[in-house]
Amino acid sequence: MQLLVVEDDDIVRMLMVEVLDELGYKDILEADSGEQALVALEDSTLHLDLLMTDVGLPDMNGNELAAKARSLRPTLPVLFASGYAESMAVPEGMHMIGKPFSMEALGDKIRSILGELP
């Protein structure tokens, strides 16, 4: 499984990657902006299984990134992470997890999205 994690806060991104690694996801690409994420999304040699993105990014918000990601990779699952999850409308076919989240909640959400057995 290859995951792309997009988070502009270096410490938060590092913690997210560490949690994902603890959950068994070892192939994790990191991006600190939507523009950096688009470089990976546009690379047809990469097989991405999930895009996990913060909503509040500096150059483009998570919704804009998700829309561009889906135009490039129409079946790519998208998981938004936000401290404002309760007030955000999630585009159809995409998913949300509220920050802060537990390691177990993140694992459950990703397994659910990817259709993996617990």
C-alpha atoms as a PDB file:
ATOM      1  CA  MET A   1       0.000   0.000   0.000  1.00  0.00           C
ATOM      2  CA  GLN A   2       1.295   3.420  -0.909  1.00  0.00           C
ATOM      3  CA  LEU A   3      -0.176   6.425   0.892  1.00  0.00           C
ATOM      4  CA  LEU A   4       0.329  10.109   0.169  1.00  0.00           C
ATOM      5  CA  VAL A   5       0.114  12.298   3.286  1.00  0.00           C
ATOM      6  CA  VAL A   6      -0.309  16.040   2.740  1.00  0.00           C
ATOM      7  CA  GLU A   7       0.116  18.290   5.777  1.00  0.00           C
ATOM      8  CA  ASP A   8       1.783  21.701   5.909  1.00  0.00           C
ATOM      9  CA  ASP A   9       2.735  21.480   9.600  1.00  0.00           C
ATOM     10  CA  ASP A  10       6.003  19.520   9.729  1.00  0.00           C
ATOM     11  CA  ILE A  11       5.445  18.177  13.247  1.00  0.00           C
ATOM     12  CA  VAL A  12       1.867  17.075  12.567  1.00  0.00           C
ATOM     13  CA  ARG A  13       2.936  15.429   9.297  1.00  0.00           C
ATOM     14  CA  MET A  14       5.771  13.627  11.044  1.00  0.00           C
ATOM     15  CA  LEU A  15       3.389  12.336  13.722  1.00  0.00           C
ATOM     16  CA  MET A  16       0.844  11.206  11.111  1.00  0.00           C
ATOM     17  CA  VAL A  17       3.529   9.304   9.195  1.00  0.00           C
ATOM     18  CA  GLU A  18       4.799   7.752  12.435  1.00  0.00           C
ATOM     19  CA  VAL A  19       1.280   6.588  13.347  1.00  0.00           C
ATOM     20  CA  LEU A  20       0.722   5.169   9.855  1.00  0.00           C
ATOM     21  CA  ASP A  21       4.043   3.338  10.101  1.00  0.00           C
ATOM     22  CA  GLU A  22       2.993   1.891  13.480  1.00  0.00           C
ATOM     23  CA  LEU A  23      -0.239   0.740  11.821  1.00  0.00           C
ATOM     24  CA  GLY A  24       1.805  -1.202   9.271  1.00  0.00           C
ATOM     25  CA  TYR A  25       1.762   1.220   6.332  1.00  0.00           C
ATOM     26  CA  LYS A  26       5.422   1.411   5.356  1.00  0.00           C
ATOM     27  CA  ASP A  27       5.281   3.020   1.901  1.00  0.00           C
ATOM     28  CA  ILE A  28       4.318   6.594   2.723  1.00  0.00           C
ATOM     29  CA  LEU A  29       4.991   9.620   0.558  1.00  0.00           C
ATOM     30  CA  GLU A  30       4.913  13.030   2.223  1.00  0.00           C
ATOM     31  CA  ALA A  31       4.028  16.456   0.874  1.00  0.00           C
ATOM     32  CA  ASP A  32       3.936  19.774   2.716  1.00  0.00           C
ATOM     33  CA  SER A  33       1.691  21.516   0.183  1.00  0.00           C
ATOM     34  CA  GLY A  34      -0.905  20.865  -2.458  1.00  0.00           C
ATOM     35  CA  GLU A  35       1.582  21.772  -5.159  1.00  0.00           C
ATOM     36  CA  GLN A  36       4.100  19.226  -3.859  1.00  0.00           C
ATOM     37  CA  ALA A  37       1.333  16.608  -3.653  1.00  0.00           C
ATOM     38  CA  LEU A  38       0.387  17.269  -7.283  1.00  0.00           C
ATOM     39  CA  VAL A  39       3.911  16.322  -8.366  1.00  0.00           C
ATOM     40  CA  ALA A  40       3.365  12.857  -6.873  1.00  0.00           C
ATOM     41  CA  LEU A  41      -0.206  12.638  -8.177  1.00  0.00           C
ATOM     42  CA  GLU A  42       0.959  13.471 -11.700  1.00  0.00           C
ATOM     43  CA  ASP A  43       3.681  10.785 -11.606  1.00  0.00           C
ATOM     44  CA  SER A  44       2.078   7.879 -13.437  1.00  0.00           C
ATOM     45  CA  THR A  45       4.804   5.506 -12.235  1.00  0.00           C
ATOM     46  CA  LEU A  46       3.513   5.793  -8.662  1.00  0.00           C
ATOM     47  CA  HIS A  47       0.682   3.527  -7.553  1.00  0.00           C
ATOM     48  CA  LEU A  48      -1.147   5.480  -4.856  1.00  0.00           C
ATOM     49  CA  ASP A  49      -3.749   3.705  -2.734  1.00  0.00           C
ATOM     50  CA  LEU A  50      -4.881   6.653  -0.589  1.00  0.00           C
ATOM     51  CA  LEU A  51      -4.537  10.420  -0.426  1.00  0.00           C
ATOM     52  CA  MET A  52      -4.729  11.715   3.152  1.00  0.00           C
ATOM     53  CA  THR A  53      -4.796  15.491   3.245  1.00  0.00           C
ATOM     54  CA  ASP A  54      -5.231  18.312   5.684  1.00  0.00           C
ATOM     55  CA  VAL A  55      -8.056  20.648   4.728  1.00  0.00           C
ATOM     56  CA  GLY A  56      -6.271  23.902   5.519  1.00  0.00           C
ATOM     57  CA  LEU A  57      -3.254  23.996   3.230  1.00  0.00           C
ATOM     58  CA  PRO A  58      -1.478  27.275   2.392  1.00  0.00           C
ATOM     59  CA  ASP A  59      -1.447  27.168  -1.413  1.00  0.00           C
ATOM     60  CA  MET A  60      -4.700  25.355  -2.140  1.00  0.00           C
ATOM     61  CA  ASN A  61      -7.175  23.902   0.294  1.00  0.00           C
ATOM     62  CA  GLY A  62      -7.759  20.191   0.713  1.00  0.00           C
ATOM     63  CA  ASN A  63     -10.962  20.279  -1.326  1.00  0.00           C
ATOM     64  CA  GLU A  64      -9.155  21.847  -4.275  1.00  0.00           C
ATOM     65  CA  LEU A  65      -6.353  19.296  -3.990  1.00  0.00           C
ATOM     66  CA  ALA A  66      -8.848  16.426  -3.811  1.00  0.00           C
ATOM     67  CA  ALA A  67     -10.644  17.698  -6.924  1.00  0.00           C
ATOM     68  CA  LYS A  68      -7.358  17.889  -8.844  1.00  0.00           C
ATOM     69  CA  ALA A  69      -6.326  14.475  -7.517  1.00  0.00           C
ATOM     70  CA  ARG A  70      -9.601  12.942  -8.682  1.00  0.00           C
ATOM     71  CA  SER A  71      -9.230  14.526 -12.131  1.00  0.00           C
ATOM     72  CA  LEU A  72      -5.833  12.806 -12.405  1.00  0.00           C
ATOM     73  CA  ARG A  73      -6.778   9.576 -10.590  1.00  0.00           C
ATOM     74  CA  PRO A  74     -10.577   9.174 -10.617  1.00  0.00           C
ATOM     75  CA  THR A  75     -10.678   6.153  -8.304  1.00  0.00           C
ATOM     76  CA  LEU A  76      -8.148   7.352  -5.705  1.00  0.00           C
ATOM     77  CA  PRO A  77      -9.650   7.252  -2.202  1.00  0.00           C
ATOM     78  CA  VAL A  78      -9.358  10.571  -0.347  1.00  0.00           C
ATOM     79  CA  LEU A  79      -9.307  11.013   3.426  1.00  0.00           C
ATOM     80  CA  PHE A  80      -9.526  14.542   4.809  1.00  0.00           C
ATOM     81  CA  ALA A  81      -8.074  15.265   8.252  1.00  0.00           C
ATOM     82  CA  SER A  82      -9.431  18.391   9.902  1.00  0.00           C
ATOM     83  CA  GLY A  83      -9.855  20.005  13.260  1.00  0.00           C
ATOM     84  CA  TYR A  84     -13.139  21.341  11.909  1.00  0.00           C
ATOM     85  CA  ALA A  85     -14.577  18.032  10.705  1.00  0.00           C
ATOM     86  CA  GLU A  86     -18.023  18.633  12.146  1.00  0.00           C
ATOM     87  CA  SER A  87     -18.519  21.800  10.097  1.00  0.00           C
ATOM     88  CA  MET A  88     -17.082  20.577   6.791  1.00  0.00           C
ATOM     89  CA  ALA A  89     -19.094  19.147   3.950  1.00  0.00           C
ATOM     90  CA  VAL A  90     -17.279  16.115   2.568  1.00  0.00           C
ATOM     91  CA  PRO A  91     -17.500  15.637  -1.200  1.00  0.00           C
ATOM     92  CA  GLU A  92     -19.308  12.498  -2.278  1.00  0.00           C
ATOM     93  CA  GLY A  93     -17.116   9.413  -2.272  1.00  0.00           C
ATOM     94  CA  MET A  94     -14.543  10.983   0.038  1.00  0.00           C
ATOM     95  CA  HIS A  95     -13.982  10.545   3.764  1.00  0.00           C
ATOM     96  CA  MET A  96     -13.230  12.620   6.872  1.00  0.00           C
ATOM     97  CA  ILE A  97     -11.483  12.087  10.182  1.00  0.00           C
ATOM     98  CA  GLY A  98     -11.471  14.786  12.849  1.00  0.00           C
ATOM     99  CA  LYS A  99      -8.252  16.000  14.436  1.00  0.00           C
ATOM    100  CA  PRO A 100      -7.104  15.055  16.939  1.00  0.00           C
ATOM    101  CA  PHE A 101      -7.649  11.364  16.255  1.00  0.00           C
ATOM    102  CA  SER A 102      -6.429   8.245  17.979  1.00  0.00           C
ATOM    103  CA  MET A 103      -4.154   5.730  16.329  1.00  0.00           C
ATOM    104  CA  GLU A 104      -6.975   3.167  16.508  1.00  0.00           C
ATOM    105  CA  ALA A 105      -9.512   5.533  14.926  1.00  0.00           C
ATOM    106  CA  LEU A 106      -7.133   6.302  12.048  1.00  0.00           C
ATOM    107  CA  GLY A 107      -6.394   2.621  11.511  1.00  0.00           C
ATOM    108  CA  ASP A 108     -10.092   1.742  11.519  1.00  0.00           C
ATOM    109  CA  LYS A 109     -10.895   4.556   9.079  1.00  0.00           C
ATOM    110  CA  ILE A 110      -8.140   3.625   6.620  1.00  0.00           C
ATOM    111  CA  ARG A 111      -8.970  -0.084   6.734  1.00  0.00           C
ATOM    112  CA  SER A 112     -12.615   0.782   6.107  1.00  0.00           C
ATOM    113  CA  ILE A 113     -11.750   3.022   3.144  1.00  0.00           C
ATOM    114  CA  LEU A 114      -9.371   0.499   1.589  1.00  0.00           C
ATOM    115  CA  GLY A 115     -11.651  -2.437   2.270  1.00  0.00           C
ATOM    116  CA  GLU A 116      -9.049  -4.204   4.373  1.00  0.00           C
ATOM    117  CA  LEU A 117      -9.995  -6.682   7.046  1.00  0.00           C
ATOM    118  CA  PRO A 118      -9.151  -5.589  10.604  1.00  0.00           C
END
